[in-house]
Amino acid sequence: MLEVAAAVIENDQGLVLVARRKEGKSQAGLWEFPGGKLEAGESPEDCLRRELREEMGIDILPYERVGSNVHDYGAVTICLMAYRAKWLGGSIVLTDHDACCWAKREELTSFEWAPADIPIVEKLLASRERR
């Protein structure tokens, strides 16, 4: 099973950063919370700092676990661990994605999500409703 970390980055206006996988990548055309595969001995938080720097050119600070879920894609099963993260700096330069945007939480249902990310979206929407 592959361990994958995802960053739920919320800006000062409460918007969440989402990104679309580019053609040629697995899950191409689907939206996700940015992140990537953990390397051997790497914590999810360290993975997110590395992956966001590599894939988007930004620095983040993961600070709270949102949740995790296991998803079987057929050829591979992943354990996706999502963390809230603060944007520390940098300008977005996309390498693994062909688009990204800041979305309101209530807009998250309008995106076509990678299946593993859907439970994270549902958790975010449920936590907003309880507030």
N, C-alpha and C. Protein backbone atom coordinates (compact mmCIF):
# COMPACT_ATOMS: atom_id res chain seq x y z
N MET A 1 0.86 -1.18 0.00
CA MET A 1 0.00 0.00 0.00
C MET A 1 0.90 1.24 0.00
N LEU A 2 0.56 2.17 -0.88
CA LEU A 2 1.29 3.44 -0.95
C LEU A 2 0.74 4.41 0.08
N GLU A 3 1.62 5.08 0.78
CA GLU A 3 1.21 6.14 1.69
C GLU A 3 1.36 7.47 0.98
N VAL A 4 0.28 8.25 0.98
CA VAL A 4 0.23 9.52 0.28
C VAL A 4 -0.28 10.59 1.23
N ALA A 5 0.34 11.77 1.18
CA ALA A 5 -0.10 12.89 2.02
C ALA A 5 -0.69 13.98 1.13
N ALA A 6 -1.71 14.66 1.64
CA ALA A 6 -2.37 15.74 0.91
C ALA A 6 -2.49 16.95 1.82
N ALA A 7 -2.30 18.13 1.24
CA ALA A 7 -2.36 19.38 2.00
C ALA A 7 -3.67 20.11 1.73
N VAL A 8 -4.38 20.44 2.80
CA VAL A 8 -5.57 21.28 2.72
C VAL A 8 -5.12 22.66 3.15
N ILE A 9 -4.79 23.49 2.15
CA ILE A 9 -4.23 24.82 2.41
C ILE A 9 -5.35 25.84 2.29
N GLU A 10 -5.61 26.53 3.38
CA GLU A 10 -6.68 27.53 3.42
C GLU A 10 -6.04 28.91 3.56
N ASN A 11 -6.49 29.87 2.74
CA ASN A 11 -5.93 31.21 2.83
C ASN A 11 -6.70 32.07 3.85
N ASP A 12 -6.30 33.33 3.99
CA ASP A 12 -6.90 34.22 4.98
C ASP A 12 -8.39 34.48 4.73
N GLN A 13 -8.85 34.28 3.49
CA GLN A 13 -10.26 34.48 3.16
C GLN A 13 -11.07 33.20 3.33
N GLY A 14 -10.42 32.11 3.80
CA GLY A 14 -11.12 30.85 3.98
C GLY A 14 -11.24 30.02 2.71
N LEU A 15 -10.52 30.40 1.66
CA LEU A 15 -10.54 29.63 0.41
C LEU A 15 -9.51 28.51 0.49
N VAL A 16 -9.82 27.39 -0.18
CA VAL A 16 -8.97 26.20 -0.15
C VAL A 16 -8.30 26.01 -1.51
N LEU A 17 -7.00 25.69 -1.50
CA LEU A 17 -6.26 25.46 -2.73
C LEU A 17 -6.53 24.04 -3.25
N VAL A 18 -7.00 23.95 -4.49
CA VAL A 18 -7.22 22.67 -5.16
C VAL A 18 -6.48 22.68 -6.48
N ALA A 19 -6.08 21.48 -6.95
CA ALA A 19 -5.27 21.40 -8.17
C ALA A 19 -5.77 20.24 -9.03
N ARG A 20 -5.66 20.42 -10.36
CA ARG A 20 -6.10 19.40 -11.32
C ARG A 20 -4.90 18.67 -11.90
N ARG A 21 -4.93 17.34 -11.86
CA ARG A 21 -3.85 16.51 -12.39
C ARG A 21 -3.75 16.69 -13.91
N LYS A 22 -2.53 16.89 -14.41
CA LYS A 22 -2.37 17.12 -15.84
C LYS A 22 -2.35 15.83 -16.63
N GLU A 23 -2.57 15.94 -17.94
CA GLU A 23 -2.55 14.80 -18.84
C GLU A 23 -1.23 14.05 -18.71
N GLY A 24 -1.31 12.73 -18.81
CA GLY A 24 -0.11 11.90 -18.71
C GLY A 24 0.16 11.42 -17.29
N LYS A 25 -0.51 11.99 -16.32
CA LYS A 25 -0.38 11.57 -14.92
C LYS A 25 -1.54 10.66 -14.56
N SER A 26 -1.35 9.83 -13.55
CA SER A 26 -2.49 9.03 -13.09
C SER A 26 -3.56 9.99 -12.57
N GLN A 27 -4.80 9.63 -12.76
CA GLN A 27 -5.93 10.47 -12.35
C GLN A 27 -5.97 11.81 -13.12
N ALA A 28 -5.45 11.82 -14.34
CA ALA A 28 -5.42 13.04 -15.16
C ALA A 28 -6.81 13.64 -15.29
N GLY A 29 -6.88 14.95 -15.16
CA GLY A 29 -8.13 15.68 -15.31
C GLY A 29 -8.96 15.76 -14.03
N LEU A 30 -8.57 15.04 -13.00
CA LEU A 30 -9.31 15.06 -11.75
C LEU A 30 -8.66 16.02 -10.76
N TRP A 31 -9.47 16.56 -9.88
CA TRP A 31 -8.99 17.53 -8.89
C TRP A 31 -8.57 16.82 -7.61
N GLU A 32 -7.63 17.43 -6.91
CA GLU A 32 -7.11 16.86 -5.68
C GLU A 32 -6.58 17.96 -4.78
N PHE A 33 -6.34 17.58 -3.54
CA PHE A 33 -5.58 18.43 -2.65
C PHE A 33 -4.12 18.08 -2.93
N PRO A 34 -3.25 19.06 -3.18
CA PRO A 34 -1.88 18.75 -3.59
C PRO A 34 -1.10 18.01 -2.51
N GLY A 35 -0.16 17.21 -2.97
CA GLY A 35 0.67 16.42 -2.07
C GLY A 35 1.41 15.37 -2.85
N GLY A 36 1.70 14.24 -2.22
CA GLY A 36 2.41 13.19 -2.93
C GLY A 36 2.77 12.02 -2.04
N LYS A 37 3.54 11.08 -2.62
CA LYS A 37 3.93 9.86 -1.94
C LYS A 37 5.01 10.09 -0.90
N LEU A 38 4.85 9.44 0.25
CA LEU A 38 5.88 9.49 1.27
C LEU A 38 7.08 8.67 0.83
N GLU A 39 8.28 9.21 1.08
CA GLU A 39 9.50 8.46 0.86
C GLU A 39 9.81 7.67 2.13
N ALA A 40 10.69 6.67 2.02
CA ALA A 40 11.04 5.81 3.16
C ALA A 40 11.51 6.66 4.34
N GLY A 41 10.91 6.43 5.51
CA GLY A 41 11.30 7.12 6.72
C GLY A 41 10.81 8.55 6.84
N GLU A 42 9.99 9.00 5.91
CA GLU A 42 9.52 10.39 5.88
C GLU A 42 8.16 10.50 6.57
N SER A 43 7.99 11.55 7.38
CA SER A 43 6.69 11.79 8.00
C SER A 43 5.77 12.43 6.97
N PRO A 44 4.44 12.33 7.18
CA PRO A 44 3.52 12.99 6.25
C PRO A 44 3.78 14.50 6.17
N GLU A 45 4.09 15.12 7.29
CA GLU A 45 4.35 16.57 7.30
C GLU A 45 5.59 16.92 6.47
N ASP A 46 6.67 16.12 6.64
CA ASP A 46 7.89 16.36 5.85
C ASP A 46 7.62 16.12 4.37
N CYS A 47 6.84 15.09 4.07
CA CYS A 47 6.47 14.79 2.69
C CYS A 47 5.76 15.99 2.06
N LEU A 48 4.80 16.55 2.79
CA LEU A 48 4.03 17.68 2.25
C LEU A 48 4.92 18.89 2.00
N ARG A 49 5.82 19.18 2.92
CA ARG A 49 6.74 20.32 2.72
C ARG A 49 7.57 20.10 1.45
N ARG A 50 8.11 18.87 1.29
CA ARG A 50 8.93 18.55 0.12
C ARG A 50 8.11 18.58 -1.16
N GLU A 51 6.97 17.89 -1.17
CA GLU A 51 6.16 17.79 -2.38
C GLU A 51 5.63 19.14 -2.85
N LEU A 52 5.17 19.98 -1.94
CA LEU A 52 4.63 21.28 -2.35
C LEU A 52 5.73 22.18 -2.88
N ARG A 53 6.93 22.05 -2.33
CA ARG A 53 8.07 22.80 -2.86
C ARG A 53 8.40 22.31 -4.27
N GLU A 54 8.44 20.97 -4.46
CA GLU A 54 8.78 20.39 -5.77
C GLU A 54 7.69 20.61 -6.81
N GLU A 55 6.43 20.37 -6.45
CA GLU A 55 5.34 20.38 -7.43
C GLU A 55 4.73 21.75 -7.68
N MET A 56 4.85 22.66 -6.70
CA MET A 56 4.19 23.96 -6.85
C MET A 56 5.09 25.15 -6.54
N GLY A 57 6.26 24.90 -6.00
CA GLY A 57 7.18 25.99 -5.69
C GLY A 57 6.77 26.83 -4.49
N ILE A 58 5.97 26.23 -3.58
CA ILE A 58 5.53 26.99 -2.41
C ILE A 58 5.99 26.31 -1.13
N ASP A 59 6.08 27.09 -0.07
CA ASP A 59 6.43 26.59 1.25
C ASP A 59 5.18 26.60 2.12
N ILE A 60 4.97 25.48 2.81
CA ILE A 60 3.80 25.35 3.67
C ILE A 60 4.22 24.82 5.04
N LEU A 61 3.30 24.96 5.99
CA LEU A 61 3.49 24.40 7.33
C LEU A 61 2.26 23.54 7.67
N PRO A 62 2.38 22.21 7.53
CA PRO A 62 1.27 21.34 7.94
C PRO A 62 1.12 21.42 9.47
N TYR A 63 -0.13 21.53 9.96
CA TYR A 63 -0.28 21.73 11.40
C TYR A 63 -1.39 20.89 12.05
N GLU A 64 -2.28 20.28 11.27
CA GLU A 64 -3.36 19.51 11.89
C GLU A 64 -3.85 18.44 10.93
N ARG A 65 -3.96 17.22 11.43
CA ARG A 65 -4.46 16.13 10.59
C ARG A 65 -5.97 16.26 10.42
N VAL A 66 -6.42 16.22 9.18
CA VAL A 66 -7.84 16.29 8.85
C VAL A 66 -8.45 14.90 8.93
N GLY A 67 -7.73 13.91 8.42
CA GLY A 67 -8.22 12.55 8.40
C GLY A 67 -7.44 11.73 7.40
N SER A 68 -7.81 10.47 7.30
CA SER A 68 -7.16 9.59 6.33
C SER A 68 -8.17 8.56 5.84
N ASN A 69 -7.89 7.99 4.70
CA ASN A 69 -8.72 6.93 4.17
C ASN A 69 -7.90 6.06 3.22
N VAL A 70 -8.34 4.82 3.08
CA VAL A 70 -7.70 3.88 2.17
C VAL A 70 -8.58 3.76 0.94
N HIS A 71 -7.94 3.84 -0.24
CA HIS A 71 -8.70 3.72 -1.48
C HIS A 71 -7.97 2.75 -2.41
N ASP A 72 -8.72 1.82 -2.97
CA ASP A 72 -8.18 0.84 -3.91
C ASP A 72 -8.49 1.30 -5.33
N TYR A 73 -7.43 1.66 -6.06
CA TYR A 73 -7.58 2.09 -7.44
C TYR A 73 -7.48 0.92 -8.42
N GLY A 74 -7.41 -0.30 -7.89
CA GLY A 74 -7.28 -1.47 -8.75
C GLY A 74 -5.82 -1.88 -8.88
N ALA A 75 -5.04 -1.08 -9.60
CA ALA A 75 -3.62 -1.37 -9.78
C ALA A 75 -2.82 -1.04 -8.53
N VAL A 76 -3.34 -0.14 -7.71
CA VAL A 76 -2.64 0.27 -6.49
C VAL A 76 -3.65 0.68 -5.42
N THR A 77 -3.31 0.39 -4.18
CA THR A 77 -4.11 0.84 -3.05
C THR A 77 -3.31 1.90 -2.32
N ILE A 78 -3.97 3.01 -1.99
CA ILE A 78 -3.27 4.08 -1.28
C ILE A 78 -3.94 4.36 0.06
N CYS A 79 -3.13 4.84 0.98
CA CYS A 79 -3.63 5.39 2.23
C CYS A 79 -3.36 6.89 2.14
N LEU A 80 -4.43 7.67 2.00
CA LEU A 80 -4.30 9.12 1.86
C LEU A 80 -4.48 9.78 3.22
N MET A 81 -3.47 10.54 3.63
CA MET A 81 -3.50 11.25 4.90
C MET A 81 -3.53 12.74 4.61
N ALA A 82 -4.57 13.42 5.06
CA ALA A 82 -4.74 14.84 4.76
C ALA A 82 -4.44 15.69 6.00
N TYR A 83 -3.75 16.81 5.76
CA TYR A 83 -3.37 17.74 6.83
C TYR A 83 -3.73 19.16 6.44
N ARG A 84 -4.26 19.90 7.38
CA ARG A 84 -4.41 21.34 7.18
C ARG A 84 -3.00 21.92 7.15
N ALA A 85 -2.82 22.94 6.33
CA ALA A 85 -1.49 23.54 6.22
C ALA A 85 -1.62 25.04 5.98
N LYS A 86 -0.64 25.75 6.47
CA LYS A 86 -0.56 27.19 6.29
C LYS A 86 0.43 27.49 5.18
N TRP A 87 0.06 28.40 4.30
CA TRP A 87 0.94 28.85 3.22
C TRP A 87 1.96 29.81 3.84
N LEU A 88 3.25 29.51 3.67
CA LEU A 88 4.30 30.36 4.22
C LEU A 88 4.90 31.30 3.19
N GLY A 89 4.87 30.91 1.91
CA GLY A 89 5.44 31.78 0.88
C GLY A 89 5.68 31.05 -0.42
N GLY A 90 6.13 31.82 -1.40
CA GLY A 90 6.39 31.28 -2.73
C GLY A 90 5.26 31.60 -3.68
N SER A 91 5.56 31.46 -4.97
CA SER A 91 4.57 31.67 -6.02
C SER A 91 4.32 30.35 -6.72
N ILE A 92 3.06 30.05 -6.97
CA ILE A 92 2.72 28.76 -7.55
C ILE A 92 3.26 28.63 -8.97
N VAL A 93 4.02 27.55 -9.18
CA VAL A 93 4.50 27.13 -10.49
C VAL A 93 4.12 25.65 -10.60
N LEU A 94 3.22 25.32 -11.52
CA LEU A 94 2.69 23.96 -11.61
C LEU A 94 3.61 23.03 -12.41
N THR A 95 3.85 21.82 -11.87
CA THR A 95 4.61 20.81 -12.60
C THR A 95 3.79 19.53 -12.80
N ASP A 96 3.06 19.08 -11.78
CA ASP A 96 2.24 17.86 -11.88
C ASP A 96 0.77 18.17 -12.15
N HIS A 97 0.44 19.42 -12.21
CA HIS A 97 -0.95 19.86 -12.40
C HIS A 97 -1.02 20.80 -13.60
N ASP A 98 -2.21 20.89 -14.22
CA ASP A 98 -2.38 21.84 -15.33
C ASP A 98 -3.26 23.02 -14.92
N ALA A 99 -3.80 22.97 -13.71
CA ALA A 99 -4.62 24.08 -13.21
C ALA A 99 -4.70 24.00 -11.69
N CYS A 100 -4.91 25.14 -11.10
CA CYS A 100 -5.19 25.18 -9.66
C CYS A 100 -6.03 26.43 -9.41
N CYS A 101 -6.74 26.42 -8.29
CA CYS A 101 -7.54 27.58 -7.95
C CYS A 101 -7.85 27.56 -6.46
N TRP A 102 -8.28 28.71 -5.97
CA TRP A 102 -8.75 28.85 -4.59
C TRP A 102 -10.27 28.75 -4.63
N ALA A 103 -10.81 27.85 -3.85
CA ALA A 103 -12.26 27.61 -3.88
C ALA A 103 -12.87 27.77 -2.49
N LYS A 104 -14.11 28.26 -2.47
CA LYS A 104 -14.88 28.28 -1.23
C LYS A 104 -15.22 26.84 -0.89
N ARG A 105 -15.35 26.55 0.39
CA ARG A 105 -15.70 25.17 0.78
C ARG A 105 -16.97 24.70 0.11
N GLU A 106 -17.98 25.57 0.06
CA GLU A 106 -19.25 25.14 -0.54
C GLU A 106 -19.13 24.89 -2.04
N GLU A 107 -18.05 25.36 -2.68
CA GLU A 107 -17.82 25.11 -4.11
C GLU A 107 -17.11 23.77 -4.36
N LEU A 108 -16.60 23.15 -3.31
CA LEU A 108 -15.80 21.94 -3.49
C LEU A 108 -16.59 20.81 -4.17
N THR A 109 -17.89 20.78 -3.98
CA THR A 109 -18.69 19.73 -4.60
C THR A 109 -18.82 19.89 -6.12
N SER A 110 -18.45 21.04 -6.66
CA SER A 110 -18.57 21.27 -8.10
C SER A 110 -17.36 20.75 -8.89
N PHE A 111 -16.33 20.27 -8.20
CA PHE A 111 -15.13 19.74 -8.87
C PHE A 111 -15.26 18.23 -9.04
N GLU A 112 -14.65 17.71 -10.10
CA GLU A 112 -14.58 16.27 -10.30
C GLU A 112 -13.31 15.77 -9.60
N TRP A 113 -13.48 15.16 -8.43
CA TRP A 113 -12.37 14.80 -7.55
C TRP A 113 -11.80 13.43 -7.86
N ALA A 114 -10.50 13.28 -7.59
CA ALA A 114 -9.89 11.95 -7.56
C ALA A 114 -10.60 11.18 -6.45
N PRO A 115 -10.95 9.92 -6.68
CA PRO A 115 -11.74 9.18 -5.70
C PRO A 115 -11.20 9.18 -4.28
N ALA A 116 -9.89 9.10 -4.11
CA ALA A 116 -9.31 9.07 -2.76
C ALA A 116 -9.52 10.37 -2.00
N ASP A 117 -9.71 11.47 -2.72
CA ASP A 117 -9.87 12.78 -2.08
C ASP A 117 -11.32 13.06 -1.65
N ILE A 118 -12.27 12.32 -2.19
CA ILE A 118 -13.69 12.59 -1.91
C ILE A 118 -14.01 12.52 -0.41
N PRO A 119 -13.54 11.51 0.34
CA PRO A 119 -13.84 11.50 1.78
C PRO A 119 -13.26 12.71 2.52
N ILE A 120 -12.16 13.25 2.04
CA ILE A 120 -11.57 14.44 2.66
C ILE A 120 -12.47 15.65 2.40
N VAL A 121 -12.96 15.77 1.18
CA VAL A 121 -13.91 16.84 0.85
C VAL A 121 -15.14 16.73 1.76
N GLU A 122 -15.66 15.53 1.90
CA GLU A 122 -16.84 15.33 2.74
C GLU A 122 -16.58 15.72 4.19
N LYS A 123 -15.39 15.39 4.70
CA LYS A 123 -15.03 15.78 6.08
C LYS A 123 -14.98 17.29 6.23
N LEU A 124 -14.39 17.96 5.25
CA LEU A 124 -14.29 19.41 5.30
C LEU A 124 -15.67 20.05 5.29
N LEU A 125 -16.56 19.54 4.45
CA LEU A 125 -17.92 20.09 4.39
C LEU A 125 -18.68 19.81 5.67
N ALA A 126 -18.52 18.63 6.24
CA ALA A 126 -19.21 18.27 7.48
C ALA A 126 -18.71 19.11 8.66
N SER A 127 -17.40 19.37 8.70
CA SER A 127 -16.84 20.14 9.81
C SER A 127 -17.30 21.59 9.72
N ARG A 128 -17.50 22.10 8.52
CA ARG A 128 -17.99 23.48 8.34
C ARG A 128 -19.44 23.59 8.81
N GLU A 129 -20.24 22.55 8.52
CA GLU A 129 -21.66 22.58 8.89
C GLU A 129 -21.86 22.55 10.40
N ARG A 130 -20.94 21.91 11.13
CA ARG A 130 -21.08 21.80 12.58
C ARG A 130 -20.71 23.09 13.30
N ARG A 131 -20.02 23.99 12.64
CA ARG A 131 -19.57 25.24 13.28
C ARG A 131 -20.70 26.19 13.52
